[in-house]
């Protein structure tokens, strides 16, 4: 855990923010590399990248604040402090998809073609973001005795929840998963020209992957002691991916 990268006077650069920035840059390069696969141009990509950053950050933070309202109800000034960590991927994902849909309709672009191109970049940016979560000490895992288990320092949230315990580095599990998924989607995007199938593959793979990874998470409460909110959304995400893939079969 290393939340602060460096400080110059009162300016603090956090590792979470630095990794998020790296994720945005990597995602943008990949987006430009993939844009011609579905007939997009540089203006479209610039617009989409800006829209997704704004909508993604707002949605991810809003979802986190709603889910963990008790942390903010007595200190509303902490709500915009994204630099402290505390975002929920699904919230950002839903907000970004809605923003992409509105943009696609206005520009008369094929929505499924657009999200095909966005999918590999989304996975790649998410991979860097999870490294930031590990350095920040959020989104931590459950106790385990595996050789690669990690200990967080005194005063951190993981140590507060599991005093003296070694935990699954679940943030790094998800980071590796997303790096692999980004590579898979990059190749698949070039293998198929049917709009929607790359996005469908992303939804199915990420939904199943996230459901599985939640089994190793130690910070998410279960609904009726069964599943976390993210697991429920993961199932819905995978089902949506299957539905989109079936719909593409009817168009071919």
Protein backbone atom coordinates (compact mmCIF):
# COMPACT_ATOMS: atom_id res chain seq x y z
CA UNK A 1 0.00 0.00 0.00
CA UNK A 2 1.42 3.33 -1.09
CA UNK A 3 -1.37 5.92 -1.44
CA UNK A 4 0.83 9.02 -1.88
CA UNK A 5 3.16 9.12 -4.88
CA UNK A 6 4.77 12.49 -4.11
CA UNK A 7 3.99 15.92 -2.72
CA UNK A 8 5.10 19.39 -3.82
CA UNK A 9 4.04 21.92 -1.21
CA UNK A 10 0.31 21.49 -0.73
CA UNK A 11 -0.04 19.59 -4.03
CA UNK A 12 -0.43 15.86 -3.44
CA UNK A 13 -0.23 13.34 -6.27
CA UNK A 14 -1.75 10.03 -5.22
CA UNK A 15 -0.86 6.66 -6.67
CA UNK A 16 -4.54 6.05 -7.33
CA UNK A 17 -4.75 9.23 -9.40
CA UNK A 18 -1.48 8.46 -11.20
CA UNK A 19 -2.64 4.96 -12.16
CA UNK A 20 -6.01 6.32 -13.27
CA UNK A 21 -4.15 8.79 -15.51
CA UNK A 22 -2.02 5.97 -16.92
CA UNK A 23 -5.19 3.98 -17.57
CA UNK A 24 -6.81 6.88 -19.42
CA UNK A 25 -3.72 7.38 -21.58
CA UNK A 26 -3.37 3.68 -22.41
CA UNK A 27 -7.08 3.43 -23.17
CA UNK A 28 -6.93 6.44 -25.49
CA UNK A 29 -3.98 5.03 -27.47
CA UNK A 30 -5.80 1.73 -27.89
CA UNK A 31 -8.98 3.53 -28.89
CA UNK A 32 -7.17 5.37 -31.68
CA UNK A 33 -5.55 2.10 -32.78
CA UNK A 34 -8.96 0.42 -33.05
CA UNK A 35 -11.13 3.24 -34.41
CA UNK A 36 -10.99 2.24 -38.09
CA UNK A 37 -12.24 -1.27 -37.27
CA UNK A 38 -15.78 0.17 -37.07
CA UNK A 39 -15.43 3.21 -39.29
CA UNK A 40 -14.83 5.88 -36.65
CA UNK A 41 -12.66 8.94 -37.18
CA UNK A 42 -10.39 10.92 -34.86
CA UNK A 43 -13.12 13.49 -34.09
CA UNK A 44 -15.45 10.70 -32.96
CA UNK A 45 -12.72 9.20 -30.79
CA UNK A 46 -11.83 12.51 -29.16
CA UNK A 47 -15.50 13.18 -28.39
CA UNK A 48 -16.10 9.69 -27.06
CA UNK A 49 -13.00 9.71 -24.90
CA UNK A 50 -13.97 12.99 -23.24
CA UNK A 51 -17.58 11.89 -22.78
CA UNK A 52 -16.55 8.57 -21.23
CA UNK A 53 -14.10 10.18 -18.81
CA UNK A 54 -16.67 12.67 -17.51
CA UNK A 55 -19.63 10.27 -17.42
CA UNK A 56 -17.51 7.40 -16.09
CA UNK A 57 -16.04 9.33 -13.18
CA UNK A 58 -19.38 10.89 -12.20
CA UNK A 59 -21.25 7.59 -12.45
CA UNK A 60 -18.59 5.59 -10.61
CA UNK A 61 -18.44 8.07 -7.75
CA UNK A 62 -22.22 8.47 -7.53
CA UNK A 63 -22.71 4.71 -7.34
CA UNK A 64 -20.09 4.46 -4.56
CA UNK A 65 -21.65 7.33 -2.56
CA UNK A 66 -25.09 5.74 -2.82
CA UNK A 67 -23.77 2.30 -1.85
CA UNK A 68 -21.74 3.62 1.11
CA UNK A 69 -23.89 6.59 2.09
CA UNK A 70 -23.08 6.20 5.80
CA UNK A 71 -19.50 7.29 5.04
CA UNK A 72 -20.68 10.61 3.57
CA UNK A 73 -23.92 11.63 5.26
CA UNK A 74 -22.06 13.52 7.99
CA UNK A 75 -19.33 14.90 5.73
CA UNK A 76 -20.77 15.91 2.36
CA UNK A 77 -17.56 17.70 1.37
CA UNK A 78 -15.93 14.29 0.92
CA UNK A 79 -18.32 13.33 -1.90
CA UNK A 80 -16.26 14.90 -4.73
CA UNK A 81 -12.91 13.68 -3.30
CA UNK A 82 -12.33 10.98 -5.93
CA UNK A 83 -8.60 11.36 -5.34
CA UNK A 84 -9.13 9.56 -2.02
CA UNK A 85 -10.45 6.51 -3.85
CA UNK A 86 -13.94 5.15 -3.59
CA UNK A 87 -15.47 4.48 -7.00
CA UNK A 88 -17.63 1.63 -8.25
CA UNK A 89 -16.81 0.38 -11.73
CA UNK A 90 -20.35 -0.61 -12.64
CA UNK A 91 -21.64 2.88 -11.88
CA UNK A 92 -19.10 4.41 -14.25
CA UNK A 93 -19.76 1.72 -16.84
CA UNK A 94 -23.52 2.30 -16.88
CA UNK A 95 -23.13 6.09 -17.05
CA UNK A 96 -20.55 5.82 -19.86
CA UNK A 97 -22.73 3.45 -21.91
CA UNK A 98 -25.70 5.81 -21.62
CA UNK A 99 -23.52 8.74 -22.70
CA UNK A 100 -22.16 6.72 -25.66
CA UNK A 101 -25.70 5.79 -26.70
CA UNK A 102 -26.83 9.43 -26.69
CA UNK A 103 -23.73 10.49 -28.63
CA UNK A 104 -24.18 7.68 -31.18
CA UNK A 105 -27.79 8.65 -31.80
CA UNK A 106 -26.91 12.31 -32.31
CA UNK A 107 -24.01 11.54 -34.66
CA UNK A 108 -25.94 8.76 -36.45
CA UNK A 109 -23.29 6.17 -35.60
CA UNK A 110 -23.86 2.46 -35.09
CA UNK A 111 -24.08 2.19 -31.31
CA UNK A 112 -22.93 -1.44 -31.22
CA UNK A 113 -20.03 -0.64 -33.51
CA UNK A 114 -18.97 2.15 -31.19
CA UNK A 115 -19.04 0.01 -28.05
CA UNK A 116 -17.13 -2.71 -29.91
CA UNK A 117 -14.26 -0.26 -30.31
CA UNK A 118 -14.59 1.00 -26.75
CA UNK A 119 -14.52 -2.48 -25.13
CA UNK A 120 -10.76 -3.24 -25.35
CA UNK A 121 -9.91 0.25 -24.10
CA UNK A 122 -12.32 -0.10 -21.22
CA UNK A 123 -10.70 -3.34 -20.10
CA UNK A 124 -7.21 -1.87 -20.42
CA UNK A 125 -8.04 1.29 -18.48
CA UNK A 126 -9.73 -0.78 -15.80
CA UNK A 127 -6.60 -2.91 -15.42
CA UNK A 128 -4.54 0.15 -14.51
CA UNK A 129 -7.29 1.41 -12.21
CA UNK A 130 -7.20 -1.78 -10.15
CA UNK A 131 -3.47 -1.37 -9.60
CA UNK A 132 -4.35 2.06 -8.22
CA UNK A 133 -6.88 0.42 -5.90
CA UNK A 134 -4.17 -1.91 -4.59
CA UNK A 135 -1.80 0.98 -3.90
CA UNK A 136 -4.62 2.96 -2.30
CA UNK A 137 -5.72 0.07 -0.05
CA UNK A 138 -9.34 -0.02 -1.23
CA UNK A 139 -11.36 -2.86 -2.82
CA UNK A 140 -9.35 -5.31 -0.69
CA UNK A 141 -9.61 -9.07 -0.42
CA UNK A 142 -10.55 -11.69 2.14
CA UNK A 143 -8.05 -13.31 4.55
CA UNK A 144 -6.00 -16.18 3.18
CA UNK A 145 -2.72 -18.00 3.88
CA UNK A 146 -1.44 -18.22 0.31
CA UNK A 147 2.24 -17.41 -0.39
CA UNK A 148 1.28 -14.25 -2.29
CA UNK A 149 -1.10 -12.92 0.38
CA UNK A 150 -0.48 -9.29 1.37
CA UNK A 151 -0.54 -7.38 4.65
CA UNK A 152 -1.75 -3.78 4.79
CA UNK A 153 -0.30 -1.25 7.26
CA UNK A 154 -1.77 -0.16 10.57
CA UNK A 155 -4.46 2.47 10.19
CA UNK A 156 -5.59 1.28 6.76
CA UNK A 157 -9.13 0.10 6.10
CA UNK A 158 -8.07 -3.51 5.31
CA UNK A 159 -6.15 -3.72 8.59
CA UNK A 160 -9.12 -2.21 10.43
CA UNK A 161 -11.48 -4.85 9.00
CA UNK A 162 -9.08 -7.79 9.35
CA UNK A 163 -6.52 -6.98 12.07
CA UNK A 164 -3.26 -8.83 11.60
CA UNK A 165 -4.55 -10.89 8.68
CA UNK A 166 -2.96 -11.50 5.29
CA UNK A 167 -5.39 -10.90 2.42
CA UNK A 168 -5.96 -11.92 -1.17
CA UNK A 169 -4.49 -9.21 -3.44
CA UNK A 170 -7.80 -9.30 -5.29
CA UNK A 171 -7.15 -5.91 -6.87
CA UNK A 172 -4.17 -7.42 -8.70
CA UNK A 173 -6.19 -10.50 -9.64
CA UNK A 174 -8.69 -8.23 -11.37
CA UNK A 175 -5.94 -6.16 -12.96
CA UNK A 176 -4.36 -9.24 -14.54
CA UNK A 177 -7.78 -10.45 -15.65
CA UNK A 178 -8.49 -7.13 -17.37
CA UNK A 179 -5.09 -7.01 -19.10
CA UNK A 180 -5.78 -10.47 -20.52
CA UNK A 181 -9.32 -9.49 -21.49
CA UNK A 182 -8.08 -6.35 -23.28
CA UNK A 183 -5.71 -8.51 -25.35
CA UNK A 184 -8.47 -10.99 -26.19
CA UNK A 185 -10.85 -8.23 -27.27
CA UNK A 186 -8.14 -6.51 -29.34
CA UNK A 187 -7.68 -9.71 -31.37
CA UNK A 188 -11.39 -10.57 -31.54
CA UNK A 189 -12.31 -7.10 -32.81
CA UNK A 190 -10.18 -7.77 -35.88
CA UNK A 191 -11.49 -11.30 -36.35
CA UNK A 192 -15.18 -10.38 -36.62
CA UNK A 193 -16.80 -7.55 -38.54
CA UNK A 194 -20.26 -8.08 -37.06
CA UNK A 195 -21.11 -5.07 -34.91
CA UNK A 196 -21.90 -5.92 -31.31
CA UNK A 197 -20.05 -9.20 -30.97
CA UNK A 198 -16.90 -7.75 -29.41
CA UNK A 199 -19.01 -5.84 -26.91
CA UNK A 200 -21.00 -9.01 -26.21
CA UNK A 201 -17.79 -10.94 -25.55
CA UNK A 202 -16.64 -8.24 -23.15
CA UNK A 203 -19.92 -8.28 -21.21
CA UNK A 204 -19.97 -12.06 -20.88
CA UNK A 205 -16.31 -12.37 -19.89
CA UNK A 206 -16.30 -9.44 -17.49
CA UNK A 207 -19.63 -10.41 -15.90
CA UNK A 208 -18.41 -13.95 -15.19
CA UNK A 209 -14.97 -12.75 -14.16
CA UNK A 210 -16.31 -10.11 -11.77
CA UNK A 211 -18.76 -12.57 -10.22
CA UNK A 212 -15.87 -14.96 -9.55
CA UNK A 213 -13.49 -12.30 -8.24
CA UNK A 214 -16.11 -11.07 -5.78
CA UNK A 215 -15.71 -14.40 -3.98
CA UNK A 216 -12.26 -13.18 -2.92
CA UNK A 217 -13.35 -9.66 -1.93
CA UNK A 218 -13.44 -8.74 1.75
CA UNK A 219 -15.04 -5.30 1.60
CA UNK A 220 -18.44 -5.95 0.04
CA UNK A 221 -21.50 -6.77 2.10
CA UNK A 222 -23.70 -9.60 0.91
CA UNK A 223 -27.40 -9.19 0.24
CA UNK A 224 -29.25 -11.65 2.51
CA UNK A 225 -25.81 -13.33 3.07
CA UNK A 226 -25.88 -14.66 -0.50
CA UNK A 227 -24.33 -12.37 -3.10
CA UNK A 228 -22.86 -8.89 -3.28
CA UNK A 229 -24.39 -6.15 -5.40
CA UNK A 230 -21.50 -6.52 -7.84
CA UNK A 231 -22.17 -10.24 -8.22
CA UNK A 232 -25.80 -9.59 -9.04
CA UNK A 233 -24.82 -6.95 -11.59
CA UNK A 234 -22.16 -9.34 -12.93
CA UNK A 235 -24.82 -11.95 -13.66
CA UNK A 236 -27.00 -9.33 -15.34
CA UNK A 237 -24.01 -8.13 -17.38
CA UNK A 238 -23.20 -11.63 -18.63
CA UNK A 239 -26.85 -12.25 -19.54
CA UNK A 240 -26.95 -8.95 -21.43
CA UNK A 241 -23.84 -10.02 -23.35
CA UNK A 242 -25.46 -13.31 -24.34
CA UNK A 243 -28.57 -11.40 -25.44
CA UNK A 244 -26.53 -9.03 -27.60
CA UNK A 245 -24.66 -11.94 -29.19
CA UNK A 246 -27.92 -13.72 -30.02
CA UNK A 247 -29.24 -10.49 -31.55
CA UNK A 248 -26.15 -10.26 -33.79
CA UNK A 249 -26.81 -13.78 -35.08
CA UNK A 250 -30.20 -12.64 -36.36
CA UNK A 251 -28.55 -9.85 -38.33
CA UNK A 252 -26.12 -12.13 -40.16
